[in-house]
Amino acid sequence: MEQDFLEHLNGSSLDRVELIVAIGEVLGNYVPPEDERKIRSFPTVQEAIDYIRKRRRDGGLN
């Protein structure tokens, strides 16, 4: 079973929530639940960053 990056870093469920809130603050927008689940599922931080950049570029996250 593959770990996501927060599990690999021993992140707790509170850490996961705080990460999504921080991402929302940086983006200046609410992160929809489907994006939240996707972001949390990536095995590396870089993959999460790439996804966020792509979603912003495509207009999905403003």
N, C-alpha and C. Protein backbone atom coordinates (compact mmCIF):
# COMPACT_ATOMS: atom_id res chain seq x y z
N MET A 1 0.84 -1.18 0.00
CA MET A 1 0.00 0.00 0.00
C MET A 1 0.89 1.25 0.00
N GLU A 2 0.57 2.18 -0.91
CA GLU A 2 1.33 3.40 -1.02
C GLU A 2 0.86 4.42 0.00
N GLN A 3 1.82 5.12 0.59
CA GLN A 3 1.47 6.16 1.56
C GLN A 3 1.36 7.50 0.86
N ASP A 4 0.48 8.37 1.37
CA ASP A 4 0.50 9.73 0.86
C ASP A 4 1.59 10.48 1.62
N PHE A 5 1.91 11.68 1.15
CA PHE A 5 3.04 12.39 1.73
C PHE A 5 2.85 12.74 3.19
N LEU A 6 1.61 12.98 3.62
CA LEU A 6 1.39 13.28 5.04
C LEU A 6 1.58 12.05 5.91
N GLU A 7 1.18 10.90 5.43
CA GLU A 7 1.43 9.67 6.20
C GLU A 7 2.93 9.42 6.29
N HIS A 8 3.62 9.64 5.18
CA HIS A 8 5.07 9.44 5.16
C HIS A 8 5.76 10.37 6.15
N LEU A 9 5.24 11.56 6.30
CA LEU A 9 5.81 12.53 7.24
C LEU A 9 5.20 12.40 8.64
N ASN A 10 4.43 11.33 8.85
CA ASN A 10 3.75 11.09 10.12
C ASN A 10 2.74 12.18 10.44
N GLY A 11 2.09 12.70 9.40
CA GLY A 11 1.07 13.73 9.60
C GLY A 11 -0.21 13.13 10.17
N SER A 12 -0.77 13.81 11.12
CA SER A 12 -2.03 13.36 11.73
C SER A 12 -3.22 13.85 10.90
N SER A 13 -4.42 13.42 11.27
CA SER A 13 -5.59 13.91 10.54
C SER A 13 -5.75 15.41 10.72
N LEU A 14 -5.38 15.93 11.87
CA LEU A 14 -5.42 17.38 12.07
C LEU A 14 -4.43 18.07 11.12
N ASP A 15 -3.25 17.48 10.94
CA ASP A 15 -2.28 18.03 9.99
C ASP A 15 -2.86 18.09 8.59
N ARG A 16 -3.62 17.07 8.23
CA ARG A 16 -4.24 17.03 6.90
C ARG A 16 -5.24 18.18 6.74
N VAL A 17 -6.06 18.39 7.74
CA VAL A 17 -7.04 19.48 7.69
C VAL A 17 -6.32 20.82 7.63
N GLU A 18 -5.30 20.99 8.43
CA GLU A 18 -4.55 22.25 8.45
C GLU A 18 -3.88 22.51 7.10
N LEU A 19 -3.40 21.45 6.46
CA LEU A 19 -2.79 21.60 5.14
C LEU A 19 -3.80 22.12 4.13
N ILE A 20 -4.98 21.54 4.12
CA ILE A 20 -6.00 21.96 3.16
C ILE A 20 -6.45 23.39 3.45
N VAL A 21 -6.58 23.76 4.72
CA VAL A 21 -6.93 25.13 5.08
C VAL A 21 -5.83 26.09 4.61
N ALA A 22 -4.58 25.72 4.81
CA ALA A 22 -3.46 26.56 4.37
C ALA A 22 -3.44 26.71 2.86
N ILE A 23 -3.71 25.63 2.14
CA ILE A 23 -3.77 25.71 0.68
C ILE A 23 -4.88 26.67 0.27
N GLY A 24 -6.02 26.56 0.91
CA GLY A 24 -7.12 27.48 0.62
C GLY A 24 -6.75 28.93 0.89
N GLU A 25 -6.03 29.17 1.96
CA GLU A 25 -5.61 30.54 2.29
C GLU A 25 -4.64 31.08 1.25
N VAL A 26 -3.71 30.25 0.83
CA VAL A 26 -2.73 30.67 -0.19
C VAL A 26 -3.44 30.97 -1.50
N LEU A 27 -4.41 30.13 -1.85
CA LEU A 27 -5.14 30.33 -3.10
C LEU A 27 -6.18 31.43 -2.98
N GLY A 28 -6.50 31.81 -1.74
CA GLY A 28 -7.53 32.82 -1.54
C GLY A 28 -8.91 32.29 -1.88
N ASN A 29 -9.08 31.00 -1.69
CA ASN A 29 -10.34 30.39 -2.09
C ASN A 29 -10.58 29.12 -1.29
N TYR A 30 -11.82 28.69 -1.31
CA TYR A 30 -12.23 27.44 -0.70
C TYR A 30 -11.74 26.29 -1.57
N VAL A 31 -11.25 25.21 -0.95
CA VAL A 31 -10.82 24.02 -1.69
C VAL A 31 -11.98 23.03 -1.65
N PRO A 32 -12.58 22.74 -2.81
CA PRO A 32 -13.71 21.80 -2.86
C PRO A 32 -13.31 20.42 -2.36
N PRO A 33 -14.25 19.67 -1.78
CA PRO A 33 -13.94 18.35 -1.23
C PRO A 33 -13.28 17.40 -2.23
N GLU A 34 -13.69 17.45 -3.50
CA GLU A 34 -13.07 16.54 -4.47
C GLU A 34 -11.59 16.87 -4.68
N ASP A 35 -11.25 18.17 -4.64
CA ASP A 35 -9.84 18.56 -4.75
C ASP A 35 -9.09 18.23 -3.46
N GLU A 36 -9.76 18.42 -2.35
CA GLU A 36 -9.15 18.10 -1.05
C GLU A 36 -8.73 16.63 -1.02
N ARG A 37 -9.64 15.75 -1.40
CA ARG A 37 -9.32 14.31 -1.40
C ARG A 37 -8.17 14.01 -2.35
N LYS A 38 -8.18 14.63 -3.51
CA LYS A 38 -7.13 14.40 -4.51
C LYS A 38 -5.78 14.88 -3.98
N ILE A 39 -5.75 16.08 -3.42
CA ILE A 39 -4.50 16.65 -2.90
C ILE A 39 -3.92 15.75 -1.81
N ARG A 40 -4.79 15.29 -0.91
CA ARG A 40 -4.31 14.44 0.19
C ARG A 40 -3.83 13.07 -0.27
N SER A 41 -4.24 12.65 -1.45
CA SER A 41 -3.90 11.30 -1.91
C SER A 41 -2.53 11.19 -2.57
N PHE A 42 -1.92 12.29 -2.91
CA PHE A 42 -0.65 12.22 -3.62
C PHE A 42 0.47 11.69 -2.73
N PRO A 43 1.34 10.84 -3.30
CA PRO A 43 2.43 10.29 -2.51
C PRO A 43 3.55 11.30 -2.24
N THR A 44 3.63 12.37 -3.04
CA THR A 44 4.69 13.35 -2.81
C THR A 44 4.12 14.76 -2.76
N VAL A 45 4.83 15.64 -2.09
CA VAL A 45 4.44 17.04 -2.01
C VAL A 45 4.47 17.66 -3.41
N GLN A 46 5.48 17.30 -4.20
CA GLN A 46 5.59 17.86 -5.55
C GLN A 46 4.37 17.55 -6.40
N GLU A 47 3.85 16.34 -6.30
CA GLU A 47 2.65 15.99 -7.06
C GLU A 47 1.45 16.83 -6.62
N ALA A 48 1.34 17.10 -5.33
CA ALA A 48 0.26 17.95 -4.83
C ALA A 48 0.42 19.37 -5.37
N ILE A 49 1.63 19.89 -5.36
CA ILE A 49 1.90 21.23 -5.88
C ILE A 49 1.57 21.30 -7.38
N ASP A 50 2.00 20.29 -8.12
CA ASP A 50 1.73 20.27 -9.56
C ASP A 50 0.22 20.24 -9.84
N TYR A 51 -0.52 19.47 -9.06
CA TYR A 51 -1.97 19.39 -9.22
C TYR A 51 -2.61 20.75 -8.95
N ILE A 52 -2.21 21.39 -7.86
CA ILE A 52 -2.77 22.70 -7.51
C ILE A 52 -2.47 23.71 -8.61
N ARG A 53 -1.25 23.72 -9.11
CA ARG A 53 -0.88 24.65 -10.20
C ARG A 53 -1.73 24.40 -11.44
N LYS A 54 -1.90 23.14 -11.79
CA LYS A 54 -2.70 22.80 -12.97
C LYS A 54 -4.15 23.23 -12.78
N ARG A 55 -4.72 22.96 -11.61
CA ARG A 55 -6.11 23.34 -11.35
C ARG A 55 -6.28 24.86 -11.40
N ARG A 56 -5.30 25.57 -10.89
CA ARG A 56 -5.37 27.05 -10.94
C ARG A 56 -5.29 27.52 -12.37
N ARG A 57 -4.36 26.93 -13.14
CA ARG A 57 -4.18 27.31 -14.55
C ARG A 57 -5.44 27.02 -15.35
N ASP A 58 -6.10 25.91 -15.05
CA ASP A 58 -7.32 25.51 -15.76
C ASP A 58 -8.56 26.24 -15.25
N GLY A 59 -8.38 27.05 -14.20
CA GLY A 59 -9.50 27.82 -13.65
C GLY A 59 -10.33 27.09 -12.61
N GLY A 60 -9.88 25.90 -12.18
CA GLY A 60 -10.63 25.13 -11.20
C GLY A 60 -10.47 25.65 -9.78
N LEU A 61 -9.32 26.17 -9.48
CA LEU A 61 -9.06 26.78 -8.16
C LEU A 61 -8.60 28.20 -8.44
N ASN A 62 -9.27 29.18 -7.88
CA ASN A 62 -8.92 30.57 -8.14
C ASN A 62 -8.16 31.15 -6.99
